[in-house]
Full PDB file with SEQRES, HELIX, SHEET, SSBOND, CRYST1, ORIGX, SCALE, CONECT and MASTER records, all heavy atoms in Angstrom:
SEQRES   1 A   31  SER GLY ILE LYS LEU THR SER GLY ALA PRO THR ASN VAL          
SEQRES   2 A   31  ILE GLY ASN ASP ILE ILE LEU ASN ASN GLY VAL PRO LEU          
SEQRES   3 A   31  GLU GLY THR PHE GLY                                          
HELIX    1 AA1 ASN A   21  GLY A   23  5                                   3    
CRYST1    1.000    1.000    1.000  90.00  90.00  90.00 P 1           1          
ORIGX1      1.000000  0.000000  0.000000        0.00000                         
ORIGX2      0.000000  1.000000  0.000000        0.00000                         
ORIGX3      0.000000  0.000000  1.000000        0.00000                         
SCALE1      1.000000  0.000000  0.000000        0.00000                         
SCALE2      0.000000  1.000000  0.000000        0.00000                         
SCALE3      0.000000  0.000000  1.000000        0.00000                         
ATOM      1  N   SER A   1       0.873  -1.239  -0.015  1.00  0.00           N  
ATOM      2  CA  SER A   1       0.033   0.024   0.048  1.00  0.00           C  
ATOM      3  C   SER A   1       0.879   1.263   0.049  1.00  0.00           C  
ATOM      4  O   SER A   1       2.070   1.173   0.307  1.00  0.00           O  
ATOM      5  CB  SER A   1      -0.935   0.006   1.097  1.00  0.00           C  
ATOM      6  OG  SER A   1      -1.810  -1.031   1.151  1.00  0.00           O  
ATOM      7  N   GLY A   2       0.279   2.434  -0.321  1.00  0.00           N  
ATOM      8  CA  GLY A   2       0.929   3.589  -0.458  1.00  0.00           C  
ATOM      9  C   GLY A   2       1.212   4.416   0.805  1.00  0.00           C  
ATOM     10  O   GLY A   2       2.302   4.356   1.327  1.00  0.00           O  
ATOM     11  N   ILE A   3       0.170   5.108   1.406  1.00  0.00           N  
ATOM     12  CA  ILE A   3       0.372   6.002   2.436  1.00  0.00           C  
ATOM     13  C   ILE A   3      -0.645   5.710   3.577  1.00  0.00           C  
ATOM     14  O   ILE A   3      -1.778   5.557   3.327  1.00  0.00           O  
ATOM     15  CB  ILE A   3       0.080   7.453   2.173  1.00  0.00           C  
ATOM     16  CG1 ILE A   3       1.260   7.895   1.132  1.00  0.00           C  
ATOM     17  CG2 ILE A   3       0.252   8.413   3.395  1.00  0.00           C  
ATOM     18  CD1 ILE A   3       1.054   9.379   0.614  1.00  0.00           C  
ATOM     19  N   LYS A   4      -0.173   5.561   4.987  1.00  0.00           N  
ATOM     20  CA  LYS A   4      -0.994   5.241   6.098  1.00  0.00           C  
ATOM     21  C   LYS A   4      -0.748   6.358   7.069  1.00  0.00           C  
ATOM     22  O   LYS A   4       0.409   6.598   7.561  1.00  0.00           O  
ATOM     23  CB  LYS A   4      -0.824   3.997   6.720  1.00  0.00           C  
ATOM     24  CG  LYS A   4      -1.773   3.644   7.806  1.00  0.00           C  
ATOM     25  CD  LYS A   4      -1.766   2.238   8.379  1.00  0.00           C  
ATOM     26  CE  LYS A   4      -2.778   2.110   9.434  1.00  0.00           C  
ATOM     27  NZ  LYS A   4      -2.748   0.718   9.906  1.00  0.00           N  
ATOM     28  N   LEU A   5      -1.782   7.067   7.537  1.00  0.00           N  
ATOM     29  CA  LEU A   5      -1.721   8.240   8.467  1.00  0.00           C  
ATOM     30  C   LEU A   5      -2.482   7.884   9.633  1.00  0.00           C  
ATOM     31  O   LEU A   5      -3.637   7.582   9.646  1.00  0.00           O  
ATOM     32  CB  LEU A   5      -2.218   9.407   7.747  1.00  0.00           C  
ATOM     33  CG  LEU A   5      -1.609   9.822   6.398  1.00  0.00           C  
ATOM     34  CD1 LEU A   5      -2.587  10.786   5.717  1.00  0.00           C  
ATOM     35  CD2 LEU A   5      -0.185  10.440   6.753  1.00  0.00           C  
ATOM     36  N   THR A   6      -1.886   7.956  10.832  1.00  0.00           N  
ATOM     37  CA  THR A   6      -2.622   7.974  12.086  1.00  0.00           C  
ATOM     38  C   THR A   6      -2.122   9.216  12.827  1.00  0.00           C  
ATOM     39  O   THR A   6      -1.917   9.153  14.032  1.00  0.00           O  
ATOM     40  CB  THR A   6      -2.259   6.722  12.890  1.00  0.00           C  
ATOM     41  OG1 THR A   6      -0.916   6.628  13.051  1.00  0.00           O  
ATOM     42  CG2 THR A   6      -2.937   5.521  12.154  1.00  0.00           C  
ATOM     43  N   SER A   7      -1.808  10.344  12.089  1.00  0.00           N  
ATOM     44  CA  SER A   7      -1.169  11.408  12.635  1.00  0.00           C  
ATOM     45  C   SER A   7      -2.466  12.312  13.280  1.00  0.00           C  
ATOM     46  O   SER A   7      -3.483  11.948  13.214  1.00  0.00           O  
ATOM     47  CB  SER A   7      -0.411  12.214  11.516  1.00  0.00           C  
ATOM     48  OG  SER A   7      -1.303  12.342  10.439  1.00  0.00           O  
ATOM     49  N   GLY A   8      -1.905  13.488  13.886  1.00  0.00           N  
ATOM     50  CA  GLY A   8      -2.925  14.357  14.410  1.00  0.00           C  
ATOM     51  C   GLY A   8      -3.337  15.442  13.579  1.00  0.00           C  
ATOM     52  O   GLY A   8      -3.943  15.117  12.494  1.00  0.00           O  
ATOM     53  N   ALA A   9      -3.148  16.700  13.844  1.00  0.00           N  
ATOM     54  CA  ALA A   9      -3.744  17.698  13.009  1.00  0.00           C  
ATOM     55  C   ALA A   9      -2.786  18.892  13.144  1.00  0.00           C  
ATOM     56  O   ALA A   9      -2.220  19.239  14.162  1.00  0.00           O  
ATOM     57  CB  ALA A   9      -5.059  18.161  13.470  1.00  0.00           C  
ATOM     58  N   PRO A  10      -2.582  19.671  11.889  1.00  0.00           N  
ATOM     59  CA  PRO A  10      -3.172  19.345  10.779  1.00  0.00           C  
ATOM     60  C   PRO A  10      -2.412  18.225  10.018  1.00  0.00           C  
ATOM     61  O   PRO A  10      -1.127  18.022  10.150  1.00  0.00           O  
ATOM     62  CB  PRO A  10      -2.979  20.592   9.904  1.00  0.00           C  
ATOM     63  CG  PRO A  10      -1.784  21.175  10.422  1.00  0.00           C  
ATOM     64  CD  PRO A  10      -1.789  20.831  11.853  1.00  0.00           C  
ATOM     65  N   THR A  11      -3.082  17.445   9.178  1.00  0.00           N  
ATOM     66  CA  THR A  11      -2.497  16.499   8.249  1.00  0.00           C  
ATOM     67  C   THR A  11      -2.922  16.914   6.856  1.00  0.00           C  
ATOM     68  O   THR A  11      -4.010  17.003   6.437  1.00  0.00           O  
ATOM     69  CB  THR A  11      -3.267  15.025   8.482  1.00  0.00           C  
ATOM     70  OG1 THR A  11      -2.775  14.555   9.826  1.00  0.00           O  
ATOM     71  CG2 THR A  11      -2.838  14.094   7.559  1.00  0.00           C  
ATOM     72  N   ASN A  12      -1.755  17.124   6.097  1.00  0.00           N  
ATOM     73  CA  ASN A  12      -1.888  17.620   4.698  1.00  0.00           C  
ATOM     74  C   ASN A  12      -1.250  16.678   3.762  1.00  0.00           C  
ATOM     75  O   ASN A  12       0.002  16.397   3.870  1.00  0.00           O  
ATOM     76  CB  ASN A  12      -1.335  18.956   4.736  1.00  0.00           C  
ATOM     77  CG  ASN A  12      -2.006  19.951   5.581  1.00  0.00           C  
ATOM     78  OD1 ASN A  12      -3.201  20.126   5.531  1.00  0.00           O  
ATOM     79  ND2 ASN A  12      -1.230  20.759   6.364  1.00  0.00           N  
ATOM     80  N   VAL A  13      -2.052  16.091   2.792  1.00  0.00           N  
ATOM     81  CA  VAL A  13      -1.434  15.205   1.712  1.00  0.00           C  
ATOM     82  C   VAL A  13      -1.742  15.848   0.460  1.00  0.00           C  
ATOM     83  O   VAL A  13      -2.827  15.920  -0.007  1.00  0.00           O  
ATOM     84  CB  VAL A  13      -2.040  13.922   2.045  1.00  0.00           C  
ATOM     85  CG1 VAL A  13      -1.416  12.783   0.933  1.00  0.00           C  
ATOM     86  CG2 VAL A  13      -2.010  13.243   3.342  1.00  0.00           C  
ATOM     87  N   ILE A  14      -0.705  16.227  -0.165  1.00  0.00           N  
ATOM     88  CA  ILE A  14      -0.881  17.161  -1.438  1.00  0.00           C  
ATOM     89  C   ILE A  14       0.036  16.779  -2.567  1.00  0.00           C  
ATOM     90  O   ILE A  14       1.323  16.647  -2.269  1.00  0.00           O  
ATOM     91  CB  ILE A  14      -0.532  18.654  -0.974  1.00  0.00           C  
ATOM     92  CG1 ILE A  14      -1.224  19.109   0.212  1.00  0.00           C  
ATOM     93  CG2 ILE A  14      -0.717  19.602  -2.131  1.00  0.00           C  
ATOM     94  CD1 ILE A  14      -0.755  20.401   0.871  1.00  0.00           C  
ATOM     95  N   GLY A  15      -0.427  16.473  -3.621  1.00  0.00           N  
ATOM     96  CA  GLY A  15       0.234  16.402  -4.839  1.00  0.00           C  
ATOM     97  C   GLY A  15       1.113  15.142  -4.991  1.00  0.00           C  
ATOM     98  O   GLY A  15       2.220  15.231  -5.600  1.00  0.00           O  
ATOM     99  N   ASN A  16       0.752  14.025  -4.352  1.00  0.00           N  
ATOM    100  CA  ASN A  16       1.564  12.851  -4.398  1.00  0.00           C  
ATOM    101  C   ASN A  16       1.143  11.906  -5.654  1.00  0.00           C  
ATOM    102  O   ASN A  16      -0.170  11.886  -5.925  1.00  0.00           O  
ATOM    103  CB  ASN A  16       1.447  12.060  -3.057  1.00  0.00           C  
ATOM    104  CG  ASN A  16       1.953  12.851  -2.027  1.00  0.00           C  
ATOM    105  OD1 ASN A  16       3.151  12.977  -1.700  1.00  0.00           O  
ATOM    106  ND2 ASN A  16       1.028  13.490  -1.276  1.00  0.00           N  
ATOM    107  N   ASP A  17       2.025  11.230  -6.259  1.00  0.00           N  
ATOM    108  CA  ASP A  17       1.763  10.137  -7.188  1.00  0.00           C  
ATOM    109  C   ASP A  17       1.950   8.777  -6.638  1.00  0.00           C  
ATOM    110  O   ASP A  17       2.969   8.427  -6.146  1.00  0.00           O  
ATOM    111  CB  ASP A  17       2.601  10.369  -8.429  1.00  0.00           C  
ATOM    112  CG  ASP A  17       2.217  11.559  -9.291  1.00  0.00           C  
ATOM    113  OD1 ASP A  17       1.174  12.139  -9.097  1.00  0.00           O  
ATOM    114  OD2 ASP A  17       2.997  11.865 -10.185  1.00  0.00           O  
ATOM    115  N   ILE A  18       0.744   7.970  -6.606  1.00  0.00           N  
ATOM    116  CA  ILE A  18       0.891   6.593  -5.975  1.00  0.00           C  
ATOM    117  C   ILE A  18       0.443   5.582  -7.021  1.00  0.00           C  
ATOM    118  O   ILE A  18      -0.688   5.667  -7.451  1.00  0.00           O  
ATOM    119  CB  ILE A  18       0.001   6.638  -4.631  1.00  0.00           C  
ATOM    120  CG1 ILE A  18       0.423   7.729  -3.725  1.00  0.00           C  
ATOM    121  CG2 ILE A  18       0.138   5.217  -4.065  1.00  0.00           C  
ATOM    122  CD1 ILE A  18      -0.668   7.925  -2.624  1.00  0.00           C  
ATOM    123  N   ILE A  19       1.432   4.712  -7.348  1.00  0.00           N  
ATOM    124  CA  ILE A  19       1.047   3.643  -8.224  1.00  0.00           C  
ATOM    125  C   ILE A  19       1.243   2.427  -7.585  1.00  0.00           C  
ATOM    126  O   ILE A  19       2.320   2.043  -7.007  1.00  0.00           O  
ATOM    127  CB  ILE A  19       1.906   3.749  -9.434  1.00  0.00           C  
ATOM    128  CG1 ILE A  19       1.630   5.075 -10.223  1.00  0.00           C  
ATOM    129  CG2 ILE A  19       1.548   2.573 -10.420  1.00  0.00           C  
ATOM    130  CD1 ILE A  19       2.555   5.330 -11.398  1.00  0.00           C  
ATOM    131  N   LEU A  20       0.098   1.549  -7.456  1.00  0.00           N  
ATOM    132  CA  LEU A  20       0.154   0.310  -6.701  1.00  0.00           C  
ATOM    133  C   LEU A  20      -0.031  -0.867  -7.769  1.00  0.00           C  
ATOM    134  O   LEU A  20      -0.880  -0.984  -8.490  1.00  0.00           O  
ATOM    135  CB  LEU A  20      -1.007   0.149  -5.821  1.00  0.00           C  
ATOM    136  CG  LEU A  20      -1.224   1.396  -4.867  1.00  0.00           C  
ATOM    137  CD1 LEU A  20      -2.513   1.260  -4.015  1.00  0.00           C  
ATOM    138  CD2 LEU A  20       0.102   1.386  -3.929  1.00  0.00           C  
ATOM    139  N   ASN A  21       1.075  -1.733  -7.693  1.00  0.00           N  
ATOM    140  CA  ASN A  21       1.120  -2.929  -8.488  1.00  0.00           C  
ATOM    141  C   ASN A  21       0.748  -2.756 -10.015  1.00  0.00           C  
ATOM    142  O   ASN A  21       0.023  -3.460 -10.614  1.00  0.00           O  
ATOM    143  CB  ASN A  21       0.297  -3.986  -7.973  1.00  0.00           C  
ATOM    144  CG  ASN A  21       0.805  -5.321  -8.439  1.00  0.00           C  
ATOM    145  OD1 ASN A  21       1.989  -5.735  -8.413  1.00  0.00           O  
ATOM    146  ND2 ASN A  21      -0.081  -6.281  -8.779  1.00  0.00           N  
ATOM    147  N   ASN A  22       1.358  -1.501 -10.555  1.00  0.00           N  
ATOM    148  CA  ASN A  22       0.935  -1.291 -11.906  1.00  0.00           C  
ATOM    149  C   ASN A  22      -0.398  -1.164 -12.333  1.00  0.00           C  
ATOM    150  O   ASN A  22      -0.960  -1.488 -13.395  1.00  0.00           O  
ATOM    151  CB  ASN A  22       1.763  -2.272 -12.897  1.00  0.00           C  
ATOM    152  CG  ASN A  22       1.930  -1.663 -14.190  1.00  0.00           C  
ATOM    153  OD1 ASN A  22       2.034  -0.452 -14.453  1.00  0.00           O  
ATOM    154  ND2 ASN A  22       1.924  -2.516 -15.260  1.00  0.00           N  
ATOM    155  N   GLY A  23      -1.303  -0.736 -11.254  1.00  0.00           N  
ATOM    156  CA  GLY A  23      -2.700  -0.633 -11.440  1.00  0.00           C  
ATOM    157  C   GLY A  23      -3.563  -1.764 -11.309  1.00  0.00           C  
ATOM    158  O   GLY A  23      -4.804  -1.619 -11.349  1.00  0.00           O  
ATOM    159  N   VAL A  24      -3.000  -2.843 -10.744  1.00  0.00           N  
ATOM    160  CA  VAL A  24      -3.861  -4.017 -10.561  1.00  0.00           C  
ATOM    161  C   VAL A  24      -4.334  -3.952  -9.103  1.00  0.00           C  
ATOM    162  O   VAL A  24      -3.553  -3.816  -8.178  1.00  0.00           O  
ATOM    163  CB  VAL A  24      -3.023  -5.391 -10.754  1.00  0.00           C  
ATOM    164  CG1 VAL A  24      -3.811  -6.545 -10.299  1.00  0.00           C  
ATOM    165  CG2 VAL A  24      -2.508  -5.517 -12.087  1.00  0.00           C  
ATOM    166  N   PRO A  25      -5.615  -3.971  -8.838  1.00  0.00           N  
ATOM    167  CA  PRO A  25      -6.203  -3.779  -7.474  1.00  0.00           C  
ATOM    168  C   PRO A  25      -6.067  -4.920  -6.742  1.00  0.00           C  
ATOM    169  O   PRO A  25      -7.197  -5.695  -6.415  1.00  0.00           O  
ATOM    170  CB  PRO A  25      -7.669  -3.294  -7.707  1.00  0.00           C  
ATOM    171  CG  PRO A  25      -8.011  -3.934  -8.991  1.00  0.00           C  
ATOM    172  CD  PRO A  25      -6.681  -4.101  -9.854  1.00  0.00           C  
ATOM    173  N   LEU A  26      -5.007  -5.282  -6.077  1.00  0.00           N  
ATOM    174  CA  LEU A  26      -4.783  -6.408  -5.158  1.00  0.00           C  
ATOM    175  C   LEU A  26      -5.471  -6.194  -3.826  1.00  0.00           C  
ATOM    176  O   LEU A  26      -5.541  -5.279  -3.125  1.00  0.00           O  
ATOM    177  CB  LEU A  26      -3.312  -6.685  -4.872  1.00  0.00           C  
ATOM    178  CG  LEU A  26      -2.504  -6.939  -6.222  1.00  0.00           C  
ATOM    179  CD1 LEU A  26      -1.012  -7.149  -5.841  1.00  0.00           C  
ATOM    180  CD2 LEU A  26      -3.039  -8.218  -6.864  1.00  0.00           C  
ATOM    181  N   GLU A  27      -6.204  -7.313  -3.382  1.00  0.00           N  
ATOM    182  CA  GLU A  27      -6.965  -7.264  -2.084  1.00  0.00           C  
ATOM    183  C   GLU A  27      -6.108  -6.933  -0.998  1.00  0.00           C  
ATOM    184  O   GLU A  27      -5.020  -7.235  -0.879  1.00  0.00           O  
ATOM    185  CB  GLU A  27      -7.564  -8.591  -1.858  1.00  0.00           C  
ATOM    186  CG  GLU A  27      -8.583  -8.639  -0.722  1.00  0.00           C  
ATOM    187  CD  GLU A  27      -9.477  -9.907  -0.668  1.00  0.00           C  
ATOM    188  OE1 GLU A  27      -9.371 -10.651  -1.605  1.00  0.00           O  
ATOM    189  OE2 GLU A  27     -10.107  -9.991   0.354  1.00  0.00           O  
ATOM    190  N   GLY A  28      -6.548  -6.049  -0.121  1.00  0.00           N  
ATOM    191  CA  GLY A  28      -5.932  -5.603   1.158  1.00  0.00           C  
ATOM    192  C   GLY A  28      -5.147  -4.395   0.951  1.00  0.00           C  
ATOM    193  O   GLY A  28      -4.453  -3.900   1.844  1.00  0.00           O  
ATOM    194  N   THR A  29      -5.044  -3.813  -0.323  1.00  0.00           N  
ATOM    195  CA  THR A  29      -4.014  -2.748  -0.436  1.00  0.00           C  
ATOM    196  C   THR A  29      -4.847  -1.376  -0.600  1.00  0.00           C  
ATOM    197  O   THR A  29      -6.048  -1.481  -0.897  1.00  0.00           O  
ATOM    198  CB  THR A  29      -3.315  -2.876  -1.770  1.00  0.00           C  
ATOM    199  OG1 THR A  29      -4.140  -3.013  -2.915  1.00  0.00           O  
ATOM    200  CG2 THR A  29      -2.487  -4.165  -1.764  1.00  0.00           C  
ATOM    201  N   PHE A  30      -4.253  -0.403  -0.426  1.00  0.00           N  
ATOM    202  CA  PHE A  30      -4.818   0.953  -0.557  1.00  0.00           C  
ATOM    203  C   PHE A  30      -3.949   2.005  -0.911  1.00  0.00           C  
ATOM    204  O   PHE A  30      -2.671   1.915  -0.671  1.00  0.00           O  
ATOM    205  CB  PHE A  30      -5.507   1.401   0.852  1.00  0.00           C  
ATOM    206  CG  PHE A  30      -4.563   1.311   2.038  1.00  0.00           C  
ATOM    207  CD1 PHE A  30      -3.567   2.325   2.268  1.00  0.00           C  
ATOM    208  CD2 PHE A  30      -4.519   0.243   2.903  1.00  0.00           C  
ATOM    209  CE1 PHE A  30      -2.695   2.198   3.389  1.00  0.00           C  
ATOM    210  CE2 PHE A  30      -3.659   0.106   3.881  1.00  0.00           C  
ATOM    211  CZ  PHE A  30      -2.739   1.080   4.105  1.00  0.00           C  
ATOM    212  N   GLY A  31      -4.264   3.025  -1.509  1.00  0.00           N  
ATOM    213  CA  GLY A  31      -3.499   4.163  -1.983  1.00  0.00           C  
ATOM    214  C   GLY A  31      -3.211   5.061  -0.777  1.00  0.00           C  
ATOM    215  O   GLY A  31      -2.050   5.112  -0.383  1.00  0.00           O  
TER     216      GLY A  31                                                      
MASTER        0    0    0    1    0    0    0    6  215    1    0    3          
END                                                                             
């Protein structure tokens, strides 16, 4: 998976490119 956040505040996620397994949606994964 790409990014996992359990942070506080503020949390800012801006302008990232995330490619997971060349676009194949494997079970249990997240962007």
